[in-house]
Amino acid sequence: MTTCILCQTFFSSPLCFRDLFLMRKSREVLCGSCQSSFLKIGKNYCPTCQKAGYSEICPDCLAWQDRGHRICHTALYRYEQNMANYFVQYKQWGDYQLRFVFAKEIKEKFKEWKGYTIVPIPVSKQRYQERGFNQVEGILEAAEISYERILQKADVEHQIGKDRRERLAMEQVFAVKGKIKVQKGVILVDDVYTTGATMELAKKVLSENGCQNIFTFSIAR
């Protein structure tokens, strides 16, 4: 029996032959109920940012296009109540074990980006002191994804509670640390993509420092 790291219930997790051969525990960390509680993006979504419920480009992406920005974002899940509850428990309550929840899916997804430099969105020094960890780096480490700490972030007001207009009007909060050495391109990684403002600011500073082929990824959209 295995204990679900999200709801703490016991569940049976079948072992594959490789696990049996290597005498290791199953990598499943969620029970079936918790796994099914998170909603996949599905088939109907914005073609540029994967916002669910759109068959054409969504208003957020149109707004960025009007400003001359090219959006190319990938996400795994929809941001709904169960996902919001997960991030409250992981980020605000500091349940660091929950970094493993999406490790299996992320590891599989990132096989598509072999050779790209993975860059997590940083947290400010103040946020790091409050939380004790960078939630994005934790998720990447759980999925055994190597990354580069290229960016740093200034201490700014939290984005929770801000409306769409306020988020889109954010001023630059990122800076590059030292010289950047990128070969194939960059995959910027964040936990949640809302309007895209955070990602676009990070892309802007990377682009100004010589980076090309910048794409973005998040757990939820």
Protein backbone atom coordinates (compact mmCIF):
# COMPACT_ATOMS: atom_id res chain seq x y z
CA MET A 1 0.00 0.00 0.00
CA THR A 2 1.07 3.56 -0.74
CA THR A 3 0.04 6.79 0.99
CA CYS A 4 -1.26 9.56 -1.28
CA ILE A 5 0.86 12.65 -0.60
CA LEU A 6 -2.09 14.94 -1.26
CA CYS A 7 -5.01 13.45 0.71
CA GLN A 8 -3.02 11.00 2.90
CA THR A 9 -5.26 8.00 2.09
CA PHE A 10 -3.81 4.56 1.36
CA PHE A 11 -4.04 3.13 -2.14
CA SER A 12 -2.71 0.18 -4.09
CA SER A 13 -0.04 1.08 -6.62
CA PRO A 14 0.85 -1.66 -9.14
CA LEU A 15 4.55 -2.24 -9.76
CA CYS A 16 5.93 -2.53 -13.27
CA PHE A 17 8.53 -5.16 -14.16
CA ARG A 18 11.36 -2.60 -14.02
CA ASP A 19 10.40 -1.61 -10.49
CA LEU A 20 10.30 -5.25 -9.42
CA PHE A 21 13.64 -6.00 -11.10
CA LEU A 22 15.35 -3.04 -9.42
CA MET A 23 13.54 -3.71 -6.11
CA ARG A 24 12.28 -0.16 -5.84
CA LYS A 25 8.99 1.38 -4.79
CA SER A 26 6.37 2.53 -7.28
CA ARG A 27 6.69 6.15 -8.44
CA GLU A 28 2.95 6.76 -8.09
CA VAL A 29 2.37 9.38 -5.40
CA LEU A 30 -1.34 10.18 -5.90
CA CYS A 31 -4.40 8.03 -5.40
CA GLY A 32 -6.82 7.66 -8.30
CA SER A 33 -9.26 10.16 -6.81
CA CYS A 34 -6.66 12.91 -6.50
CA GLN A 35 -5.23 12.19 -9.93
CA SER A 36 -8.65 12.56 -11.55
CA SER A 37 -9.43 15.74 -9.60
CA PHE A 38 -7.07 17.79 -11.78
CA LEU A 39 -8.53 18.75 -15.13
CA LYS A 40 -6.39 18.37 -18.26
CA ILE A 41 -6.34 21.20 -20.78
CA GLY A 42 -8.50 19.10 -23.12
CA LYS A 43 -9.06 19.51 -26.83
CA ASN A 44 -10.66 22.96 -26.98
CA TYR A 45 -8.10 25.65 -26.13
CA CYS A 46 -6.39 28.83 -27.33
CA PRO A 47 -3.80 27.76 -29.93
CA THR A 48 -1.12 30.08 -28.54
CA CYS A 49 -1.47 29.87 -24.72
CA GLN A 50 -3.68 26.77 -24.23
CA LYS A 51 -6.37 28.57 -22.27
CA ALA A 52 -9.29 26.15 -22.12
CA GLY A 53 -12.62 26.95 -23.73
CA TYR A 54 -11.32 28.72 -26.83
CA SER A 55 -11.08 27.47 -30.40
CA GLU A 56 -9.39 30.69 -31.56
CA ILE A 57 -6.83 33.04 -30.03
CA CYS A 58 -8.02 34.22 -26.60
CA PRO A 59 -8.34 37.91 -25.54
CA ASP A 60 -5.15 37.78 -23.46
CA CYS A 61 -3.07 36.61 -26.42
CA LEU A 62 -4.71 39.14 -28.73
CA ALA A 63 -3.75 41.86 -26.27
CA TRP A 64 -0.13 40.67 -26.31
CA GLN A 65 -0.12 40.43 -30.09
CA ASP A 66 -1.29 44.05 -30.29
CA ARG A 67 1.81 44.94 -28.27
CA GLY A 68 4.07 42.99 -30.61
CA HIS A 69 4.55 39.92 -28.42
CA ARG A 70 4.59 36.36 -29.78
CA ILE A 71 2.95 33.86 -27.43
CA CYS A 72 3.93 30.18 -27.51
CA HIS A 73 2.87 28.59 -24.23
CA THR A 74 2.30 25.02 -23.10
CA ALA A 75 0.46 23.86 -19.98
CA LEU A 76 -0.64 20.51 -18.56
CA TYR A 77 -3.75 21.34 -16.54
CA ARG A 78 -6.52 23.87 -16.16
CA TYR A 79 -6.38 26.24 -13.21
CA GLU A 80 -9.58 25.46 -11.32
CA GLN A 81 -10.52 24.99 -7.66
CA ASN A 82 -8.71 21.70 -7.07
CA MET A 83 -5.55 23.09 -8.64
CA ALA A 84 -5.88 26.29 -6.61
CA ASN A 85 -6.20 24.21 -3.42
CA TYR A 86 -3.08 22.27 -4.38
CA PHE A 87 -1.00 25.43 -4.77
CA VAL A 88 -2.30 26.84 -1.47
CA GLN A 89 -1.14 23.67 0.29
CA TYR A 90 2.17 23.57 -1.60
CA LYS A 91 3.15 27.25 -1.63
CA GLN A 92 1.31 28.99 1.21
CA TRP A 93 1.31 26.11 3.70
CA GLY A 94 4.80 25.04 2.63
CA ASP A 95 4.07 21.33 2.11
CA TYR A 96 7.28 20.72 0.18
CA GLN A 97 6.52 17.04 -0.39
CA LEU A 98 3.85 18.11 -2.89
CA ARG A 99 6.56 19.03 -5.39
CA PHE A 100 6.33 15.40 -6.54
CA VAL A 101 2.64 15.55 -7.54
CA PHE A 102 3.23 16.32 -11.25
CA ALA A 103 6.78 14.98 -11.55
CA LYS A 104 5.88 12.04 -13.78
CA GLU A 105 3.96 14.16 -16.33
CA ILE A 106 6.58 16.91 -16.37
CA LYS A 107 9.47 14.52 -16.90
CA GLU A 108 7.67 12.98 -19.86
CA LYS A 109 6.73 16.37 -21.35
CA PHE A 110 10.24 17.78 -21.16
CA LYS A 111 11.60 14.98 -23.32
CA GLU A 112 10.21 17.07 -26.21
CA TRP A 113 12.62 19.91 -25.34
CA LYS A 114 15.90 18.06 -25.23
CA GLY A 115 18.80 20.48 -25.68
CA TYR A 116 16.86 23.54 -24.49
CA THR A 117 17.98 25.55 -21.46
CA ILE A 118 15.35 25.28 -18.73
CA VAL A 119 14.90 28.52 -16.76
CA PRO A 120 12.52 28.62 -13.77
CA ILE A 121 10.78 31.87 -12.92
CA PRO A 122 12.55 33.08 -9.77
CA VAL A 123 10.98 34.28 -6.56
CA SER A 124 12.12 37.41 -4.77
CA LYS A 125 14.42 37.21 -1.75
CA GLN A 126 11.55 38.20 0.51
CA ARG A 127 9.27 35.50 -0.89
CA TYR A 128 12.02 32.90 -0.60
CA GLN A 129 12.60 33.79 3.06
CA GLU A 130 8.88 33.55 3.78
CA ARG A 131 8.36 30.23 1.97
CA GLY A 132 11.76 28.62 2.31
CA PHE A 133 11.88 27.40 -1.29
CA ASN A 134 11.20 28.29 -4.91
CA GLN A 135 8.10 26.29 -5.83
CA VAL A 136 9.06 26.03 -9.52
CA GLU A 137 12.57 24.79 -8.80
CA GLY A 138 11.12 22.23 -6.40
CA ILE A 139 8.81 20.87 -9.09
CA LEU A 140 11.63 20.66 -11.63
CA GLU A 141 13.94 18.90 -9.17
CA ALA A 142 11.23 16.39 -8.32
CA ALA A 143 10.94 15.61 -12.05
CA GLU A 144 14.76 15.35 -12.32
CA ILE A 145 14.90 18.25 -14.78
CA SER A 146 18.15 20.24 -14.86
CA TYR A 147 17.75 24.01 -14.91
CA GLU A 148 19.72 27.26 -14.91
CA ARG A 149 19.23 30.15 -12.47
CA ILE A 150 19.65 32.86 -15.06
CA LEU A 151 17.07 35.31 -13.71
CA GLN A 152 16.60 37.17 -10.46
CA LYS A 153 13.47 38.94 -9.26
CA ALA A 154 12.99 42.13 -7.28
CA ASP A 155 10.74 42.34 -4.21
CA VAL A 156 7.33 43.41 -5.51
CA GLU A 157 3.71 43.36 -4.42
CA HIS A 158 2.06 39.93 -4.70
CA GLN A 159 -0.09 39.41 -7.81
CA ILE A 160 -2.94 37.66 -5.97
CA GLY A 161 -6.04 39.86 -6.05
CA LYS A 162 -4.94 41.99 -9.00
CA ASP A 163 -7.32 42.18 -11.94
CA ARG A 164 -6.45 41.48 -15.59
CA ARG A 165 -5.67 45.13 -16.41
CA GLU A 166 -3.33 45.51 -13.44
CA ARG A 167 -1.48 42.28 -14.27
CA LEU A 168 -0.98 43.27 -17.90
CA ALA A 169 0.42 46.64 -16.79
CA MET A 170 3.18 45.16 -14.60
CA GLU A 171 6.56 46.89 -14.72
CA GLN A 172 9.81 44.98 -15.22
CA VAL A 173 10.76 42.98 -12.12
CA PHE A 174 13.40 40.64 -13.60
CA ALA A 175 17.10 40.99 -14.27
CA VAL A 176 19.74 38.66 -15.70
CA LYS A 177 22.47 37.28 -13.44
CA GLY A 178 25.84 37.29 -15.23
CA LYS A 179 26.42 36.09 -18.78
CA ILE A 180 23.93 33.86 -20.58
CA LYS A 181 25.08 30.81 -22.52
CA VAL A 182 22.19 29.27 -24.44
CA GLN A 183 22.54 26.89 -27.36
CA LYS A 184 19.21 25.71 -28.75
CA GLY A 185 16.74 27.95 -26.94
CA VAL A 186 15.02 28.60 -23.60
CA ILE A 187 12.00 27.07 -21.88
CA LEU A 188 10.73 29.44 -19.20
CA VAL A 189 8.89 27.57 -16.46
CA ASP A 190 6.31 28.86 -13.98
CA ASP A 191 3.69 27.17 -11.83
CA VAL A 192 0.60 29.05 -13.08
CA TYR A 193 0.01 31.12 -16.24
CA THR A 194 -2.75 33.71 -15.74
CA THR A 195 -2.55 36.63 -18.17
CA GLY A 196 1.01 35.94 -19.31
CA ALA A 197 2.42 39.15 -17.83
CA THR A 198 5.07 37.43 -15.71
CA MET A 199 6.27 35.29 -18.60
CA GLU A 200 6.40 38.23 -21.02
CA LEU A 201 8.51 40.31 -18.63
CA ALA A 202 10.94 37.42 -18.20
CA LYS A 203 11.04 36.81 -21.97
CA LYS A 204 11.73 40.51 -22.57
CA VAL A 205 14.79 40.65 -20.33
CA LEU A 206 16.16 37.40 -21.77
CA SER A 207 15.63 38.64 -25.32
CA GLU A 208 17.39 41.92 -24.51
CA ASN A 209 20.37 39.84 -23.36
CA GLY A 210 20.68 37.85 -26.56
CA CYS A 211 18.39 34.85 -26.01
CA GLN A 212 16.34 33.58 -28.93
CA ASN A 213 13.74 30.82 -29.35
CA ILE A 214 12.10 31.46 -25.98
CA PHE A 215 9.08 29.31 -25.13
CA THR A 216 7.04 29.11 -21.93
CA PHE A 217 5.58 26.29 -19.84
CA SER A 218 3.43 26.06 -16.73
CA ILE A 219 1.69 23.36 -14.72
CA ALA A 220 -1.64 25.15 -14.91
CA ARG A 221 -3.33 27.64 -17.22
